[in-house]
Amino acid sequence: MSKQMTNEEKLIWMTKTPVEKLICRLAVPTIISMLVSSFYNMADTFFLGRSKDNIIATGAVGVVFSLMAVIQAIGFFFGHGCSNYISRKLGSKETDLAEKMASTGFFTAVITGFMLMVPGLFFIEPLAWALGSTELILPKAIEYMRIILIGSPYMVGALVLNNQLRFQGSAFFAMVGITSGAVLNIVLDPIFIFRLDMGVTGAALATVISQFVSFLLLVWGINKSSAIKIRLKNFKPSFYLYKEIIAGGSPSLCRQGIASVAAICLNFAAKPYGEVAIAAMAVVSKIAMFANSVIIGFGQGFQPVCGFNYGAGLYKRVLKAFWFCVRFAFVFLVAVSVLGIIFAPQLVNAFGNGPEVEKIASAALRYQCIVFPLNSFIVLSNMLLQTIRKPVRATALAISRQGLIFIPLIIILPKIFGITGIEICQMVSDIFTFALAVILQTPVLRGLKERNRALAD
């Protein structure tokens, strides 16, 4: 889409172009962004697995991952909360409200990032213990966490800008911002970790420098694209705008926030089996995140199509877009699952943590792959519910896979099956979450069909 496109032209483009073509065009940049971002998320684990403190360093990244999930939760809360609203208002031609929301969501998010950073730095050691550190992992976890906390305000801001660009159909500029930072991180990691011998400190420094570059490029993207500009004069905090952010962003906040709690519970469940188990589950989490990133990226191509067309009352297009995405995602995940089951040891060994880590991680990865295709319906259902402002249903589904269902299972299953209980936990959670998604989504899809029939009559 041309960066010179007006809001009126954009509305026509989003509501008239065949949904399959539109989603693919919007999804390609977001899939690239998600894949490169996944490489970035895996980079620290990958390179630290080859360092002299490989298992301890990998475990430290696994512990701090919970904190990074909280930072991401804040960014996605404000990013999805304001961007869902923006896309609907652009669809209904209420540009003034969209402009106020864009600036209010961004500046509030950055302020919230500072509010997380200050107490986090002050209470950094008890925070590291609370996230599941062991005696051996604690010093490395604190090293890594301190630098991540310093970068948290603009990490949050970058996520908001990325989502605002995507939801307004400017996915190319979002891709440039995210992928440039991710590539830089992959380049800086080996330099800082090995050449400068900085270990986990170097990995964290590479991460925050890369995130800052992403932030600057996303600011540039907002100004160069047809997206609504961020202006201080449009920073208009109000109960109405924050209510809309909460409604649109709560599912993301709950999903990412509960992922942090789940990661902490996973670390504590693995703790009796030592640093090897913590490192193994950290590796599996990164591999699964990479595979899931394609589906999330494809779904992110769906969300602006859904928002614009729902706001314009084109419910048939919303339904058509949803089922197109589910079918694509299912086929892709079947292929990924087969490869994951066959090549699990090779994938795990790529992170270089040794045979003990490989044994635990390979089993856990294979169990997850068995039911991985179910994520096609789970992820797309959550995105549809969130975009069309069904906050209760969207939040319930968002917190289930790694919250309402996963957390009780990670507490119960290891007591019954030992380390195997940890390895099968995500698989069992996905089965129950899929059943819940069917229950929550079916009435909504039926309602969209009825609205479409009513308009046709």
Protein backbone atom coordinates (compact mmCIF):
# COMPACT_ATOMS: atom_id res chain seq x y z
CA MET A 1 0.00 0.00 0.00
CA SER A 2 1.32 3.43 -0.90
CA LYS A 3 2.43 5.57 1.99
CA GLN A 4 0.67 8.51 0.34
CA MET A 5 -2.77 6.84 0.57
CA THR A 6 -5.39 9.01 2.25
CA ASN A 7 -7.66 7.67 5.01
CA GLU A 8 -10.55 7.53 2.53
CA GLU A 9 -8.48 5.59 0.01
CA LYS A 10 -7.28 3.30 2.76
CA LEU A 11 -10.86 2.56 3.82
CA ILE A 12 -11.80 1.64 0.25
CA TRP A 13 -8.71 -0.55 -0.09
CA MET A 14 -9.41 -2.38 3.19
CA THR A 15 -13.10 -2.94 2.50
CA LYS A 16 -13.13 -3.69 -1.23
CA THR A 17 -10.00 -5.77 -1.94
CA PRO A 18 -10.59 -9.56 -1.87
CA VAL A 19 -9.80 -10.65 1.69
CA GLU A 20 -7.39 -13.43 0.70
CA LYS A 21 -5.25 -11.04 -1.33
CA LEU A 22 -5.52 -8.32 1.31
CA ILE A 23 -4.55 -10.56 4.23
CA CYS A 24 -1.60 -12.07 2.37
CA ARG A 25 -0.33 -8.62 1.42
CA LEU A 26 -0.63 -7.37 5.01
CA ALA A 27 0.59 -10.64 6.53
CA VAL A 28 3.86 -10.99 4.62
CA PRO A 29 5.55 -8.03 6.40
CA THR A 30 4.15 -9.10 9.78
CA ILE A 31 5.27 -12.72 9.31
CA ILE A 32 8.75 -11.50 8.40
CA SER A 33 8.70 -9.25 11.45
CA MET A 34 7.61 -12.08 13.73
CA LEU A 35 10.14 -14.55 12.33
CA VAL A 36 13.03 -12.13 12.63
CA SER A 37 11.82 -11.12 16.10
CA SER A 38 11.75 -14.80 17.05
CA PHE A 39 15.33 -15.15 15.87
CA TYR A 40 16.08 -12.15 18.04
CA ASN A 41 14.31 -13.77 21.02
CA MET A 42 16.30 -16.96 20.45
CA ALA A 43 19.61 -15.20 19.83
CA ASP A 44 20.57 -14.73 23.48
CA THR A 45 19.73 -18.36 24.29
CA PHE A 46 21.53 -19.60 21.16
CA PHE A 47 24.79 -17.72 21.70
CA LEU A 48 24.88 -18.04 25.49
CA GLY A 49 24.45 -21.81 25.02
CA ARG A 50 27.90 -21.72 23.38
CA SER A 51 29.52 -19.57 26.07
CA LYS A 52 31.67 -20.85 28.91
CA ASP A 53 28.76 -20.60 31.38
CA ASN A 54 26.28 -22.16 28.95
CA ILE A 55 23.74 -23.89 31.22
CA ILE A 56 23.82 -21.20 33.93
CA ALA A 57 23.59 -18.39 31.37
CA THR A 58 20.75 -20.10 29.50
CA GLY A 59 18.93 -20.62 32.80
CA ALA A 60 19.36 -16.93 33.63
CA VAL A 61 17.75 -15.93 30.32
CA GLY A 62 14.93 -18.37 31.08
CA VAL A 63 14.37 -16.71 34.47
CA VAL A 64 14.42 -13.15 33.09
CA PHE A 65 12.09 -14.21 30.27
CA SER A 66 9.27 -13.84 32.81
CA LEU A 67 10.14 -10.16 33.30
CA MET A 68 10.37 -9.60 29.55
CA ALA A 69 6.91 -11.12 29.25
CA VAL A 70 5.66 -8.47 31.68
CA ILE A 71 7.28 -5.69 29.61
CA GLN A 72 5.70 -7.14 26.47
CA ALA A 73 2.37 -7.43 28.28
CA ILE A 74 2.38 -3.69 28.98
CA GLY A 75 3.36 -2.90 25.38
CA PHE A 76 0.71 -5.17 23.89
CA PHE A 77 -1.92 -3.92 26.34
CA PHE A 78 -1.54 -0.33 25.17
CA GLY A 79 -0.63 -1.28 21.59
CA HIS A 80 -3.60 -3.55 20.96
CA GLY A 81 -5.91 -1.51 23.18
CA CYS A 82 -5.45 1.72 21.27
CA SER A 83 -4.88 0.15 17.83
CA ASN A 84 -8.08 -1.93 17.84
CA TYR A 85 -9.96 1.28 18.59
CA ILE A 86 -8.06 3.24 15.92
CA SER A 87 -8.84 0.71 13.16
CA ARG A 88 -12.54 0.65 14.05
CA LYS A 89 -12.76 4.46 14.11
CA LEU A 90 -10.97 4.77 10.79
CA GLY A 91 -13.45 2.21 9.43
CA SER A 92 -16.34 4.38 10.65
CA LYS A 93 -14.61 7.62 9.48
CA GLU A 94 -14.14 9.11 12.99
CA THR A 95 -10.56 10.30 12.46
CA ASP A 96 -10.46 12.86 15.31
CA LEU A 97 -11.06 10.19 17.94
CA ALA A 98 -8.45 7.94 16.33
CA GLU A 99 -5.84 10.74 16.52
CA LYS A 100 -6.47 11.33 20.23
CA MET A 101 -6.24 7.62 20.96
CA ALA A 102 -2.95 7.19 19.07
CA SER A 103 -1.10 9.82 21.14
CA THR A 104 -2.78 9.00 24.45
CA GLY A 105 -1.99 5.29 24.14
CA PHE A 106 1.65 5.87 23.20
CA PHE A 107 2.59 8.42 25.87
CA THR A 108 0.75 6.55 28.63
CA ALA A 109 2.60 3.36 27.69
CA VAL A 110 6.03 5.01 27.89
CA ILE A 111 5.20 6.51 31.28
CA THR A 112 4.11 3.07 32.48
CA GLY A 113 7.46 1.66 31.29
CA PHE A 114 9.30 4.10 33.57
CA MET A 115 7.00 3.12 36.43
CA LEU A 116 8.09 -0.50 35.96
CA MET A 117 11.79 0.31 35.60
CA VAL A 118 12.34 2.26 38.83
CA PRO A 119 11.01 -0.20 41.43
CA GLY A 120 12.40 -3.10 39.39
CA LEU A 121 15.96 -1.72 39.68
CA PHE A 122 15.48 -0.95 43.37
CA PHE A 123 14.24 -4.47 44.24
CA ILE A 124 16.23 -6.37 41.64
CA GLU A 125 17.55 -9.21 43.85
CA PRO A 126 14.24 -10.19 45.47
CA LEU A 127 12.69 -9.90 42.01
CA ALA A 128 15.22 -12.39 40.63
CA TRP A 129 14.40 -14.84 43.44
CA ALA A 130 10.68 -14.37 42.82
CA LEU A 131 11.13 -15.22 39.13
CA GLY A 132 12.58 -18.64 40.00
CA SER A 133 16.36 -18.17 40.25
CA THR A 134 18.54 -20.78 41.90
CA GLU A 135 21.70 -19.95 43.89
CA LEU A 136 23.87 -20.59 40.84
CA ILE A 137 21.65 -18.69 38.38
CA LEU A 138 21.01 -15.63 40.62
CA PRO A 139 24.15 -13.52 39.83
CA LYS A 140 23.77 -13.99 36.06
CA ALA A 141 20.02 -13.31 36.23
CA ILE A 142 20.64 -10.00 38.04
CA GLU A 143 23.27 -8.97 35.45
CA TYR A 144 20.87 -9.62 32.61
CA MET A 145 17.79 -8.18 34.31
CA ARG A 146 19.36 -4.85 35.29
CA ILE A 147 20.04 -3.86 31.68
CA ILE A 148 16.67 -5.14 30.44
CA LEU A 149 14.90 -2.98 33.03
CA ILE A 150 16.78 0.13 31.90
CA GLY A 151 15.51 -0.44 28.37
CA SER A 152 11.91 -1.16 29.34
CA PRO A 153 10.34 2.30 28.63
CA TYR A 154 11.28 2.38 24.95
CA MET A 155 10.71 -1.39 24.59
CA VAL A 156 7.10 -0.71 25.60
CA GLY A 157 6.90 2.32 23.31
CA ALA A 158 8.20 0.32 20.33
CA LEU A 159 5.47 -2.31 20.76
CA VAL A 160 2.78 0.39 20.78
CA LEU A 161 4.10 2.03 17.61
CA ASN A 162 4.47 -1.33 15.89
CA ASN A 163 0.83 -2.20 16.56
CA GLN A 164 -0.46 1.21 15.53
CA LEU A 165 1.30 0.88 12.18
CA ARG A 166 0.00 -2.65 11.61
CA PHE A 167 -3.61 -1.92 12.50
CA GLN A 168 -3.63 1.03 10.10
CA GLY A 169 -2.43 -1.11 7.21
CA SER A 170 1.17 0.20 7.26
CA ALA A 171 2.70 -3.20 7.97
CA PHE A 172 5.79 -2.50 5.82
CA PHE A 173 7.00 0.28 8.12
CA ALA A 174 6.30 -1.88 11.16
CA MET A 175 8.37 -4.64 9.55
CA VAL A 176 11.30 -2.28 8.89
CA GLY A 177 11.35 -1.12 12.52
CA ILE A 178 11.10 -4.53 14.13
CA THR A 179 13.32 -6.52 11.77
CA SER A 180 16.12 -3.93 11.70
CA GLY A 181 16.43 -4.07 15.48
CA ALA A 182 16.23 -7.85 15.49
CA VAL A 183 18.96 -8.24 12.86
CA LEU A 184 21.14 -5.80 14.80
CA ASN A 185 20.68 -7.89 17.96
CA ILE A 186 21.77 -11.05 16.14
CA VAL A 187 24.89 -9.22 14.92
CA LEU A 188 25.73 -7.67 18.31
CA ASP A 189 25.23 -10.81 20.41
CA PRO A 190 28.37 -12.70 19.32
CA ILE A 191 30.42 -9.49 19.39
CA PHE A 192 29.48 -8.63 22.96
CA ILE A 193 29.28 -12.20 24.33
CA PHE A 194 32.45 -13.66 22.77
CA ARG A 195 34.71 -10.99 21.27
CA LEU A 196 34.28 -8.57 24.20
CA ASP A 197 33.81 -11.47 26.68
CA MET A 198 30.81 -9.78 28.34
CA GLY A 199 28.67 -12.93 28.74
CA VAL A 200 25.09 -12.33 29.87
CA THR A 201 25.76 -8.61 30.30
CA GLY A 202 26.71 -8.43 26.63
CA ALA A 203 23.58 -10.34 25.63
CA ALA A 204 21.37 -7.94 27.57
CA LEU A 205 23.21 -4.91 26.20
CA ALA A 206 22.76 -6.18 22.64
CA THR A 207 19.04 -6.59 23.33
CA VAL A 208 18.40 -3.08 24.65
CA ILE A 209 20.53 -1.36 22.00
CA SER A 210 18.61 -3.23 19.32
CA GLN A 211 15.28 -2.37 20.90
CA PHE A 212 16.23 1.32 21.00
CA VAL A 213 17.10 1.25 17.30
CA SER A 214 13.73 -0.40 16.60
CA PHE A 215 12.01 2.32 18.59
CA LEU A 216 13.68 5.10 16.56
CA LEU A 217 12.86 3.40 13.26
CA LEU A 218 9.22 2.94 14.27
CA VAL A 219 8.99 6.65 15.14
CA TRP A 220 10.36 7.33 11.67
CA GLY A 221 7.80 4.89 10.20
CA ILE A 222 4.90 6.67 11.89
CA ASN A 223 6.05 9.98 10.42
CA LYS A 224 6.78 8.67 6.90
CA SER A 225 3.70 6.45 6.45
CA SER A 226 0.03 7.32 6.12
CA ALA A 227 -0.51 6.30 9.76
CA ILE A 228 -1.86 8.76 12.32
CA LYS A 229 0.98 10.89 13.72
CA ILE A 230 1.94 10.92 17.40
CA ARG A 231 1.61 14.48 18.71
CA LEU A 232 1.84 15.74 22.28
CA LYS A 233 -1.12 18.07 21.69
CA ASN A 234 -3.29 15.00 21.07
CA PHE A 235 -2.32 13.44 24.40
CA LYS A 236 -5.78 13.69 25.95
CA PRO A 237 -6.10 11.29 28.91
CA SER A 238 -9.76 10.59 29.62
CA PHE A 239 -11.90 7.94 31.22
CA TYR A 240 -13.46 7.15 27.84
CA LEU A 241 -10.14 6.54 26.06
CA TYR A 242 -8.69 4.48 28.90
CA LYS A 243 -11.89 2.43 29.08
CA GLU A 244 -11.46 1.64 25.39
CA ILE A 245 -7.78 0.75 25.89
CA ILE A 246 -8.73 -1.57 28.73
CA ALA A 247 -11.46 -3.21 26.67
CA GLY A 248 -9.24 -3.71 23.64
CA GLY A 249 -5.98 -4.41 25.45
CA SER A 250 -7.02 -6.54 28.43
CA PRO A 251 -6.83 -9.82 26.50
CA SER A 252 -3.24 -9.05 25.48
CA LEU A 253 -2.31 -7.90 28.98
CA CYS A 254 -3.79 -11.03 30.49
CA ARG A 255 -2.26 -13.30 27.85
CA GLN A 256 1.25 -11.87 28.20
CA GLY A 257 0.97 -11.28 31.93
CA ILE A 258 -0.22 -14.79 32.60
CA ALA A 259 2.58 -16.07 30.36
CA SER A 260 4.98 -14.44 32.79
CA VAL A 261 3.30 -16.12 35.76
CA ALA A 262 3.31 -19.43 33.87
CA ALA A 263 7.04 -19.09 33.14
CA ILE A 264 7.70 -18.46 36.82
CA CYS A 265 5.63 -21.53 37.78
CA LEU A 266 7.50 -23.55 35.15
CA ASN A 267 10.85 -22.45 36.60
CA PHE A 268 9.76 -23.44 40.11
CA ALA A 269 8.43 -26.78 38.86
CA ALA A 270 11.75 -27.46 37.11
CA LYS A 271 13.84 -26.25 40.07
CA PRO A 272 13.94 -29.64 41.89
CA TYR A 273 15.52 -31.14 38.76
CA GLY A 274 18.27 -28.50 38.70
CA GLU A 275 19.60 -25.91 36.31
CA VAL A 276 19.56 -28.47 33.46
CA ALA A 277 15.75 -28.70 33.56
CA ILE A 278 15.33 -24.90 33.70
CA ALA A 279 17.68 -24.51 30.72
CA ALA A 280 15.88 -27.28 28.80
CA MET A 281 12.46 -25.71 29.19
CA ALA A 282 13.89 -22.30 28.24
CA VAL A 283 15.13 -23.82 24.97
CA VAL A 284 11.75 -25.47 24.24
CA SER A 285 9.93 -22.19 24.93
CA LYS A 286 12.09 -20.38 22.38
CA ILE A 287 11.61 -23.06 19.69
CA ALA A 288 7.83 -23.17 20.21
CA MET A 289 7.69 -19.37 20.13
CA PHE A 290 9.48 -19.38 16.78
CA ALA A 291 7.03 -21.85 15.23
CA ASN A 292 4.04 -19.96 16.61
CA SER A 293 5.38 -16.63 15.35
CA VAL A 294 4.29 -17.37 11.76
CA ILE A 295 0.69 -17.93 12.88
CA ILE A 296 0.74 -14.82 15.03
CA GLY A 297 2.20 -12.84 12.12
CA PHE A 298 -0.48 -14.16 9.77
CA GLY A 299 -3.13 -13.33 12.35
CA GLN A 300 -1.73 -9.81 12.64
CA GLY A 301 -2.37 -9.45 8.92
CA PHE A 302 -5.96 -10.48 9.67
CA GLN A 303 -6.56 -7.99 12.50
CA PRO A 304 -6.62 -4.72 10.51
CA VAL A 305 -8.83 -6.38 7.88
CA CYS A 306 -11.15 -7.52 10.66
CA GLY A 307 -11.17 -4.11 12.41
CA PHE A 308 -11.85 -2.02 9.30
CA ASN A 309 -14.55 -4.33 7.94
CA TYR A 310 -16.24 -4.85 11.29
CA GLY A 311 -16.30 -1.07 11.79
CA ALA A 312 -17.83 -0.71 8.32
CA GLY A 313 -20.47 -3.37 9.04
CA LEU A 314 -19.09 -5.84 6.44
CA TYR A 315 -19.55 -8.96 8.54
CA LYS A 316 -19.37 -11.40 5.63
CA ARG A 317 -15.84 -10.23 4.89
CA VAL A 318 -14.89 -10.64 8.55
CA LEU A 319 -16.08 -14.27 8.54
CA LYS A 320 -14.44 -15.04 5.22
CA ALA A 321 -11.13 -13.60 6.42
CA PHE A 322 -11.29 -15.56 9.70
CA TRP A 323 -11.82 -18.97 8.09
CA PHE A 324 -9.20 -18.30 5.42
CA CYS A 325 -6.64 -17.64 8.16
CA VAL A 326 -7.65 -20.68 10.23
CA ARG A 327 -7.27 -23.02 7.24
CA PHE A 328 -3.87 -21.61 6.30
CA ALA A 329 -2.62 -21.76 9.90
CA PHE A 330 -3.78 -25.35 10.40
CA VAL A 331 -2.02 -26.67 7.29
CA PHE A 332 1.17 -24.81 8.18
CA LEU A 333 1.21 -26.09 11.76
CA VAL A 334 0.66 -29.70 10.68
CA ALA A 335 3.80 -29.44 8.54
CA VAL A 336 5.75 -27.77 11.34
CA SER A 337 4.63 -30.38 13.87
CA VAL A 338 5.78 -33.28 11.70
CA LEU A 339 9.21 -31.69 11.29
CA GLY A 340 9.39 -30.89 15.00
CA ILE A 341 8.67 -34.49 16.01
CA ILE A 342 11.22 -35.92 13.55
CA PHE A 343 14.03 -33.42 14.16
CA ALA A 344 13.51 -32.55 17.85
CA PRO A 345 17.04 -33.60 19.00
CA GLN A 346 18.71 -31.66 16.19
CA LEU A 347 16.65 -28.53 16.94
CA VAL A 348 17.48 -28.71 20.63
CA ASN A 349 21.18 -29.42 20.02
CA ALA A 350 21.40 -26.24 17.93
CA PHE A 351 21.40 -24.36 21.24
CA GLY A 352 24.47 -26.28 22.42
CA ASN A 353 23.66 -27.08 26.05
CA GLY A 354 24.65 -30.76 26.12
CA PRO A 355 23.02 -34.22 26.27
CA GLU A 356 21.18 -33.77 29.58
CA VAL A 357 19.37 -30.69 28.29
CA GLU A 358 18.71 -32.44 24.97
CA LYS A 359 16.96 -35.40 26.62
CA ILE A 360 14.45 -33.26 28.53
CA ALA A 361 13.93 -30.64 25.83
CA SER A 362 13.45 -33.14 22.97
CA ALA A 363 10.70 -34.98 24.85
CA ALA A 364 8.91 -31.74 25.78
CA LEU A 365 9.12 -30.43 22.20
CA ARG A 366 7.69 -33.64 20.73
CA TYR A 367 4.76 -33.61 23.14
CA GLN A 368 3.94 -30.01 22.19
CA CYS A 369 4.13 -30.80 18.47
CA ILE A 370 1.46 -33.48 18.76
CA VAL A 371 -1.27 -30.89 19.40
CA PHE A 372 0.40 -27.81 17.90
CA PRO A 373 -2.06 -27.55 14.95
CA LEU A 374 -4.85 -26.75 17.44
CA ASN A 375 -3.23 -23.34 17.88
CA SER A 376 -4.58 -22.31 14.48
CA PHE A 377 -8.11 -22.01 15.84
CA ILE A 378 -7.03 -20.84 19.32
CA VAL A 379 -4.87 -17.93 18.11
CA LEU A 380 -7.20 -16.70 15.36
CA SER A 381 -10.25 -16.94 17.64
CA ASN A 382 -8.51 -14.81 20.23
CA MET A 383 -7.54 -12.20 17.64
CA LEU A 384 -11.07 -12.01 16.24
CA LEU A 385 -12.67 -11.68 19.69
CA GLN A 386 -10.21 -8.99 20.69
CA THR A 387 -10.52 -6.95 17.49
CA ILE A 388 -14.34 -6.85 17.45
CA ARG A 389 -14.39 -5.83 21.11
CA LYS A 390 -15.50 -8.97 22.93
CA PRO A 391 -13.22 -8.35 25.91
CA VAL A 392 -14.64 -10.92 28.34
CA ARG A 393 -14.50 -13.81 25.88
CA ALA A 394 -11.15 -12.69 24.45
CA THR A 395 -9.63 -12.32 27.91
CA ALA A 396 -10.96 -15.69 29.08
CA LEU A 397 -9.40 -17.39 26.06
CA ALA A 398 -6.17 -15.38 26.29
CA ILE A 399 -5.47 -16.39 29.89
CA SER A 400 -6.36 -20.05 29.47
CA ARG A 401 -3.51 -21.62 27.47
CA GLN A 402 -0.82 -20.39 29.85
CA GLY A 403 -2.97 -19.39 32.79
CA LEU A 404 -6.25 -20.78 33.97
CA ILE A 405 -5.40 -24.18 32.51
CA PHE A 406 -1.59 -24.29 32.34
CA ILE A 407 -0.77 -23.09 35.87
CA PRO A 408 -2.86 -25.69 37.74
CA LEU A 409 -1.45 -28.37 35.43
CA ILE A 410 2.19 -27.35 36.01
CA ILE A 411 1.55 -27.60 39.74
CA ILE A 412 -0.31 -30.94 39.63
CA LEU A 413 1.27 -32.98 36.81
CA PRO A 414 4.92 -32.97 38.07
CA LYS A 415 3.73 -34.29 41.42
CA ILE A 416 2.12 -37.24 39.62
CA PHE A 417 4.52 -37.90 36.73
CA GLY A 418 7.76 -36.19 37.81
CA ILE A 419 9.81 -34.58 35.04
CA THR A 420 7.42 -36.10 32.48
CA GLY A 421 4.65 -34.01 34.01
CA ILE A 422 6.62 -30.88 33.12
CA GLU A 423 7.24 -32.15 29.59
CA ILE A 424 3.56 -32.92 28.83
CA CYS A 425 2.05 -29.89 30.57
CA GLN A 426 1.76 -27.60 27.53
CA MET A 427 0.31 -30.39 25.40
CA VAL A 428 -2.48 -31.10 27.90
CA SER A 429 -3.12 -27.38 28.32
CA ASP A 430 -3.51 -26.89 24.55
CA ILE A 431 -6.15 -29.63 24.34
CA PHE A 432 -8.32 -28.04 27.03
CA THR A 433 -7.76 -24.54 25.58
CA PHE A 434 -8.94 -25.67 22.15
CA ALA A 435 -12.16 -26.99 23.67
CA LEU A 436 -12.70 -23.66 25.44
CA ALA A 437 -12.02 -21.74 22.20
CA VAL A 438 -14.75 -23.70 20.42
CA ILE A 439 -17.21 -22.94 23.23
CA LEU A 440 -16.40 -19.20 23.31
CA GLN A 441 -16.07 -18.60 19.59
CA THR A 442 -19.07 -20.51 18.20
CA PRO A 443 -21.78 -18.07 19.44
CA VAL A 444 -19.77 -15.10 18.13
CA LEU A 445 -19.41 -16.60 14.67
CA ARG A 446 -23.11 -17.42 14.67
CA GLY A 447 -23.88 -13.82 15.67
CA LEU A 448 -21.79 -12.44 12.80
CA LYS A 449 -23.69 -14.69 10.37
CA GLU A 450 -27.02 -13.43 11.71
CA ARG A 451 -25.93 -9.78 11.40
CA ASN A 452 -24.87 -10.41 7.84
CA ARG A 453 -28.21 -12.03 6.98
CA ALA A 454 -30.08 -9.11 8.59
CA LEU A 455 -28.17 -6.62 6.45
CA ALA A 456 -28.82 -8.70 3.33
CA ASP A 457 -32.56 -8.71 4.07
